[in-house]
Amino acid sequence: MSDDRWNDNYDRDNDNDNDNDLGAKGDKNTLKGKANEAAGKVREKAGDVLNNDEMQRRGAEQNIKGHMEEGLGDVERKADDALDS
């Protein structure tokens, strides 16, 4: 095994991001989702004010992405709660 491959595996295996805890992942995804929703709304409104269709479209996409992330976070938290029961 090369040193680079070992380092890649080591970094992935020792990621202290609580990936095994669905509740923590759910909280993280919910926060990311809320941030993307807010940024998307701002970008969409700026595109509207500036009459920039591309900016408006990208803002709408980012807003949708935020909704999806937030929903994923809710599902992960509920799954974690069910597994903990």
N, C-alpha and C. Protein backbone atom coordinates (compact mmCIF):
# COMPACT_ATOMS: atom_id res chain seq x y z
N MET A 1 0.86 -1.18 0.00
CA MET A 1 0.00 0.00 0.00
C MET A 1 0.89 1.23 0.00
N SER A 2 0.58 2.16 -0.90
CA SER A 2 1.40 3.37 -0.97
C SER A 2 1.09 4.27 0.21
N ASP A 3 2.03 5.16 0.51
CA ASP A 3 1.83 6.10 1.61
C ASP A 3 0.62 6.99 1.38
N ASP A 4 0.42 7.43 0.12
CA ASP A 4 -0.72 8.30 -0.17
C ASP A 4 -2.04 7.60 0.07
N ARG A 5 -2.14 6.35 -0.35
CA ARG A 5 -3.38 5.62 -0.16
C ARG A 5 -3.64 5.39 1.32
N TRP A 6 -2.58 5.09 2.07
CA TRP A 6 -2.75 4.89 3.50
C TRP A 6 -3.25 6.17 4.15
N ASN A 7 -2.68 7.31 3.76
CA ASN A 7 -3.11 8.59 4.33
C ASN A 7 -4.56 8.89 4.00
N ASP A 8 -4.98 8.57 2.77
CA ASP A 8 -6.37 8.80 2.39
C ASP A 8 -7.31 7.98 3.26
N ASN A 9 -6.98 6.71 3.46
CA ASN A 9 -7.82 5.85 4.31
C ASN A 9 -7.79 6.31 5.75
N TYR A 10 -6.63 6.73 6.22
CA TYR A 10 -6.51 7.18 7.60
C TYR A 10 -7.38 8.42 7.83
N ASP A 11 -7.31 9.36 6.89
CA ASP A 11 -8.11 10.59 7.03
C ASP A 11 -9.60 10.28 7.04
N ARG A 12 -10.02 9.38 6.16
CA ARG A 12 -11.44 9.05 6.08
C ARG A 12 -11.89 8.30 7.33
N ASP A 13 -11.07 7.36 7.81
CA ASP A 13 -11.44 6.56 8.98
C ASP A 13 -11.42 7.35 10.27
N ASN A 14 -10.63 8.40 10.32
CA ASN A 14 -10.50 9.17 11.55
C ASN A 14 -11.18 10.52 11.46
N ASP A 15 -12.16 10.61 10.60
CA ASP A 15 -12.93 11.84 10.48
C ASP A 15 -13.79 11.99 11.73
N ASN A 16 -13.55 13.02 12.51
CA ASN A 16 -14.26 13.22 13.77
C ASN A 16 -15.52 14.04 13.57
N ASP A 17 -16.30 13.66 12.57
CA ASP A 17 -17.50 14.42 12.23
C ASP A 17 -18.76 13.73 12.72
N ASN A 18 -18.62 12.73 13.59
CA ASN A 18 -19.75 11.97 14.13
C ASN A 18 -20.63 11.40 13.02
N ASP A 19 -20.00 10.83 11.97
CA ASP A 19 -20.76 10.31 10.85
C ASP A 19 -21.63 9.12 11.23
N ASN A 20 -21.30 8.42 12.31
CA ASN A 20 -22.10 7.28 12.72
C ASN A 20 -23.32 7.70 13.52
N ASP A 21 -23.41 8.92 13.95
CA ASP A 21 -24.52 9.42 14.73
C ASP A 21 -25.48 10.14 13.80
N LEU A 22 -26.59 9.47 13.46
CA LEU A 22 -27.54 10.07 12.52
C LEU A 22 -28.13 11.36 13.05
N GLY A 23 -28.32 11.46 14.36
CA GLY A 23 -28.87 12.68 14.93
C GLY A 23 -27.96 13.88 14.69
N ALA A 24 -26.65 13.67 14.87
CA ALA A 24 -25.69 14.76 14.65
C ALA A 24 -25.64 15.12 13.17
N LYS A 25 -25.67 14.10 12.29
CA LYS A 25 -25.69 14.38 10.85
C LYS A 25 -26.96 15.13 10.48
N GLY A 26 -28.07 14.74 11.12
CA GLY A 26 -29.34 15.41 10.85
C GLY A 26 -29.29 16.87 11.22
N ASP A 27 -28.71 17.16 12.39
CA ASP A 27 -28.58 18.55 12.82
C ASP A 27 -27.71 19.33 11.84
N LYS A 28 -26.62 18.71 11.42
CA LYS A 28 -25.70 19.38 10.49
C LYS A 28 -26.38 19.65 9.15
N ASN A 29 -27.11 18.65 8.63
CA ASN A 29 -27.81 18.84 7.35
C ASN A 29 -28.92 19.87 7.46
N THR A 30 -29.60 19.90 8.60
CA THR A 30 -30.65 20.89 8.80
C THR A 30 -30.07 22.30 8.79
N LEU A 31 -28.94 22.49 9.47
CA LEU A 31 -28.30 23.81 9.48
C LEU A 31 -27.81 24.21 8.10
N LYS A 32 -27.20 23.25 7.38
CA LYS A 32 -26.75 23.54 6.02
C LYS A 32 -27.94 23.90 5.14
N GLY A 33 -29.04 23.18 5.34
CA GLY A 33 -30.23 23.45 4.56
C GLY A 33 -30.79 24.84 4.81
N LYS A 34 -30.86 25.22 6.07
CA LYS A 34 -31.38 26.55 6.41
C LYS A 34 -30.48 27.64 5.83
N ALA A 35 -29.17 27.41 5.87
CA ALA A 35 -28.22 28.39 5.32
C ALA A 35 -28.39 28.50 3.80
N ASN A 36 -28.54 27.35 3.13
CA ASN A 36 -28.74 27.38 1.68
C ASN A 36 -30.06 28.02 1.30
N GLU A 37 -31.10 27.76 2.09
CA GLU A 37 -32.39 28.41 1.82
C GLU A 37 -32.26 29.93 1.91
N ALA A 38 -31.64 30.40 2.97
CA ALA A 38 -31.48 31.84 3.17
C ALA A 38 -30.65 32.47 2.06
N ALA A 39 -29.51 31.83 1.74
CA ALA A 39 -28.65 32.36 0.68
C ALA A 39 -29.37 32.33 -0.66
N GLY A 40 -30.12 31.28 -0.90
CA GLY A 40 -30.86 31.17 -2.16
C GLY A 40 -31.91 32.25 -2.29
N LYS A 41 -32.61 32.52 -1.20
CA LYS A 41 -33.63 33.58 -1.24
C LYS A 41 -33.01 34.94 -1.52
N VAL A 42 -31.86 35.20 -0.89
CA VAL A 42 -31.16 36.47 -1.12
C VAL A 42 -30.71 36.57 -2.57
N ARG A 43 -30.11 35.48 -3.07
CA ARG A 43 -29.62 35.49 -4.45
C ARG A 43 -30.78 35.64 -5.44
N GLU A 44 -31.87 34.93 -5.15
CA GLU A 44 -33.04 35.02 -6.03
C GLU A 44 -33.61 36.44 -6.05
N LYS A 45 -33.71 37.05 -4.89
CA LYS A 45 -34.24 38.43 -4.81
C LYS A 45 -33.28 39.41 -5.49
N ALA A 46 -31.97 39.22 -5.30
CA ALA A 46 -31.00 40.09 -5.96
C ALA A 46 -31.11 39.97 -7.47
N GLY A 47 -31.29 38.75 -7.96
CA GLY A 47 -31.48 38.55 -9.39
C GLY A 47 -32.73 39.22 -9.90
N ASP A 48 -33.78 39.22 -9.07
CA ASP A 48 -35.03 39.87 -9.43
C ASP A 48 -34.84 41.39 -9.52
N VAL A 49 -34.17 41.95 -8.50
CA VAL A 49 -33.93 43.40 -8.45
C VAL A 49 -33.02 43.84 -9.60
N LEU A 50 -32.00 43.03 -9.89
CA LEU A 50 -31.04 43.38 -10.93
C LEU A 50 -31.49 42.93 -12.32
N ASN A 51 -32.66 42.30 -12.38
CA ASN A 51 -33.18 41.78 -13.64
C ASN A 51 -32.19 40.81 -14.28
N ASN A 52 -31.61 39.94 -13.43
CA ASN A 52 -30.62 38.96 -13.87
C ASN A 52 -31.25 37.57 -13.73
N ASP A 53 -31.70 37.03 -14.86
CA ASP A 53 -32.40 35.75 -14.84
C ASP A 53 -31.52 34.60 -14.34
N GLU A 54 -30.24 34.61 -14.70
CA GLU A 54 -29.32 33.55 -14.27
C GLU A 54 -29.16 33.55 -12.75
N MET A 55 -28.98 34.72 -12.16
CA MET A 55 -28.84 34.83 -10.71
C MET A 55 -30.13 34.39 -10.03
N GLN A 56 -31.23 34.79 -10.58
CA GLN A 56 -32.53 34.43 -10.02
C GLN A 56 -32.73 32.91 -10.06
N ARG A 57 -32.36 32.28 -11.18
CA ARG A 57 -32.49 30.83 -11.32
C ARG A 57 -31.58 30.09 -10.34
N ARG A 58 -30.35 30.56 -10.23
CA ARG A 58 -29.42 29.92 -9.30
C ARG A 58 -29.88 30.07 -7.84
N GLY A 59 -30.47 31.19 -7.54
CA GLY A 59 -31.00 31.38 -6.20
C GLY A 59 -32.14 30.43 -5.91
N ALA A 60 -33.01 30.25 -6.90
CA ALA A 60 -34.12 29.31 -6.73
C ALA A 60 -33.60 27.89 -6.55
N GLU A 61 -32.58 27.52 -7.32
CA GLU A 61 -31.97 26.19 -7.18
C GLU A 61 -31.36 26.00 -5.80
N GLN A 62 -30.67 27.01 -5.31
CA GLN A 62 -30.04 26.92 -4.00
C GLN A 62 -31.10 26.82 -2.90
N ASN A 63 -32.19 27.52 -3.07
CA ASN A 63 -33.29 27.46 -2.12
C ASN A 63 -33.88 26.04 -2.08
N ILE A 64 -34.08 25.44 -3.25
CA ILE A 64 -34.59 24.07 -3.32
C ILE A 64 -33.61 23.10 -2.68
N LYS A 65 -32.33 23.29 -2.96
CA LYS A 65 -31.31 22.43 -2.35
C LYS A 65 -31.39 22.53 -0.83
N GLY A 66 -31.59 23.73 -0.32
CA GLY A 66 -31.71 23.92 1.12
C GLY A 66 -32.90 23.18 1.70
N HIS A 67 -34.03 23.24 0.99
CA HIS A 67 -35.22 22.51 1.44
C HIS A 67 -34.93 21.01 1.51
N MET A 68 -34.23 20.50 0.50
CA MET A 68 -33.91 19.07 0.46
C MET A 68 -32.98 18.69 1.61
N GLU A 69 -31.95 19.50 1.85
CA GLU A 69 -31.02 19.21 2.95
C GLU A 69 -31.73 19.25 4.30
N GLU A 70 -32.61 20.20 4.46
CA GLU A 70 -33.35 20.31 5.71
C GLU A 70 -34.24 19.08 5.91
N GLY A 71 -34.88 18.64 4.85
CA GLY A 71 -35.71 17.44 4.91
C GLY A 71 -34.89 16.20 5.23
N LEU A 72 -33.72 16.10 4.62
CA LEU A 72 -32.82 14.98 4.91
C LEU A 72 -32.42 14.99 6.38
N GLY A 73 -32.13 16.15 6.91
CA GLY A 73 -31.77 16.26 8.32
C GLY A 73 -32.89 15.79 9.23
N ASP A 74 -34.13 16.15 8.88
CA ASP A 74 -35.28 15.70 9.67
C ASP A 74 -35.40 14.18 9.64
N VAL A 75 -35.24 13.58 8.47
CA VAL A 75 -35.33 12.13 8.34
C VAL A 75 -34.22 11.46 9.15
N GLU A 76 -33.00 11.99 9.07
CA GLU A 76 -31.88 11.40 9.82
C GLU A 76 -32.12 11.47 11.33
N ARG A 77 -32.63 12.59 11.81
CA ARG A 77 -32.91 12.71 13.24
C ARG A 77 -34.00 11.73 13.68
N LYS A 78 -35.05 11.61 12.87
CA LYS A 78 -36.13 10.68 13.20
C LYS A 78 -35.65 9.23 13.17
N ALA A 79 -34.80 8.90 12.20
CA ALA A 79 -34.24 7.55 12.13
C ALA A 79 -33.37 7.27 13.35
N ASP A 80 -32.58 8.27 13.76
CA ASP A 80 -31.74 8.13 14.94
C ASP A 80 -32.60 7.91 16.19
N ASP A 81 -33.67 8.68 16.30
CA ASP A 81 -34.57 8.52 17.45
C ASP A 81 -35.19 7.12 17.47
N ALA A 82 -35.59 6.63 16.29
CA ALA A 82 -36.19 5.31 16.21
C ALA A 82 -35.19 4.22 16.57
N LEU A 83 -33.94 4.39 16.14
CA LEU A 83 -32.91 3.39 16.45
C LEU A 83 -32.53 3.42 17.92
N ASP A 84 -32.65 4.58 18.54
CA ASP A 84 -32.30 4.70 19.95
C ASP A 84 -33.39 4.15 20.87
N SER A 85 -34.60 4.01 20.34
CA SER A 85 -35.73 3.54 21.15
C SER A 85 -35.63 2.07 21.48
